[in-house]
């Protein structure tokens, strides 16, 4: 296969349009540039450092604030531990490869464990875990969490043999109490000792919040449309606390007077940037304690009696993203702290009545400080797109490089209805450690901001405003001396992979190379496939109804024709630059046949293209060897075309894996076998 020499790539890059005039960098980004360029070059960290998962998987504070249940990893095995906060005593309770999540009972004496088999219970006093009920999601059998209104019970929804769905309260011995019957599954609910008092149901293209009155009569008290991620949080008599946009642009903390129908705003993002992300409720189920938002960083705001304590905690742990597990304003709080350049999260206990957090579970969250010091911070900034829309984004800078001459990678997120935030991202750190500037935009259609921002991507995928946001962000950085215009690449997973193909197809003179993993090469067909395979969203609404609002009317031939004209699959012949494609053979979201067909067309055009197709992997690679191969191929491919660093030693297991699964290797990415050992 003929490959274009490097000189031709440079010649093509010279055809780039002139960059826009630079604007003054915001102080945090300007300071980060100065710090990055004055730092010593980072040590080349091994791939395995970025592939290893944190040993501490999760931790949960009990409602009585006396214990912490936490899960640790060792290879593929998980271990559940119980920590007594007063004494510091730790006990390992069980080992499993199948523990998915855990919840405390309201009396703090039982842990409810979610596994692929169903829901199990484990008593904190001792004994073995025992299965309460088998749950299969594809049969619409699922858990709704623990019941806060009774001492030790969980809530499950099961289909009725006669049609509809039954909601049960299930005790620690497996005994069931039928609470109510509905035609569609309950998605969210609030209970008291007498049963269900409020619930949220999907009704066609909207959601309804119903109040269950004495005698079982159901009364609609609020309607949420398909874009409103409304959630029930707590209640007292006729005062219902919920998360909803209430017909506005941003999700907020609201209170509904169900007698009068009046909505009262309790809290919104003081910065006016983000929608409400999460709320910590007091264990009485009435008072909200902490409202959290993800704008450029995670911001927590204490409410009522918790206000001063949250403010003090954030001052003491300044610069960290904090997840606060709290059940009262002045009791024990469990705090999970992360930062974009942390390799592992840290945990703290804020003792009852104190404002001084102290480290907790250090033996499980400690990291090699010498290696972690080589990581780079993810810097938030905003830029104006070419149509004037303000776009939030992040950039991660390699250490010890002249950034004006450093290669730059656009890394658009998947979804597209998703977002990138300030939490650590190992793949981003991996690329920065290899010497690349990594640009991650929250292009229009990204979630977590305003309703209009999420809807602004409608009809704009492919060669449209969504892709232009990515290009405008690159132009902003390049105009300010961040990145070499002749060394740009675009890398992405899922929708990000689609964006990578779009970049190579419609801006062929801009990008030196592209990497597309699990790419929906035909986005329209992928939208349709997804809505059939995953019929319902998490809120119970049909994907087909949501796609009309978010993407466009896929039943309208003219809309579909216009969209297809903007897709890279319609312009395969325009792709001339090297491309690495990575896909899973059992991906329920992306049809591997379309991926192979796309690559076959490129191959027929004599393009430099490589294809890894693992028949056993899905949308996201899970097996350790498959993930190692993913990282190996990306760093090797990018090193060839952008000149970044790479790890040269490659085990024989990796070589054998690539020989089995690298179906097309016009770039010669398979590592050479090591020389035979010399006989002594």
Foldseek 3Di string as FASTA:
>chain_A
DDADDLVVLLVLLVPDDDFDAADDDDVVVVVQLVQQQPFAFFDQDDPVLLLDDFQWDDWAAALVRQKIWTWGDDPLKIWIWIAGVVVRDIDTADMDNFFDDWDAFLQRQWIWTQGQQGIWIDGPVDDHIDHQDGADVVQVKDWQAYALADGAWTWIWHADPVAFIWIWTAGNVNDTDTADTDRFDWQAFHAHPNHTAWTWDDDAQWIFIWGQDPVRDTDTLDIGGNVWPKHWQADDVQWTWIWTCRPFWATFTWIARSVVSDIDGPDAPPVQWFHWDDWAEASVRHHTAWTWAFGQAIDIAGDDLQHVLSVLLCVVVPQWHWDWRDRDNFAKIWIWTFFQLQSFIWIWIQHGNHSDTDTDPCVRGDDDVSNSVQFWGWAWDWDAFPVGDIWIWTKTAGHNDQQLAFAEEEEEAADLAEADHGGYDSVNRSVSSLGYIYIYINFQLYHGGTPVSVQVCALAPFPGRRLSVSVSVVSNCNSVSGHHQSRYAYEYAECSLQSRLSCLQPVVSRHQEYEYELYQQQVLVLLVLCCVVVQADSSGHGSQSVCCRRYNNSVDVVSSVSSVVRGSLVRLVSRAHEYEYEYEQAASRHHVVVVVVSVVVCVVSVHNYWYFYHDHAYSDRDDSLSVVLVSLQVSQVSCVRNVTHHDQDDDVVNLVNCVVGGPDHSPPSRHDDDDDDDDD
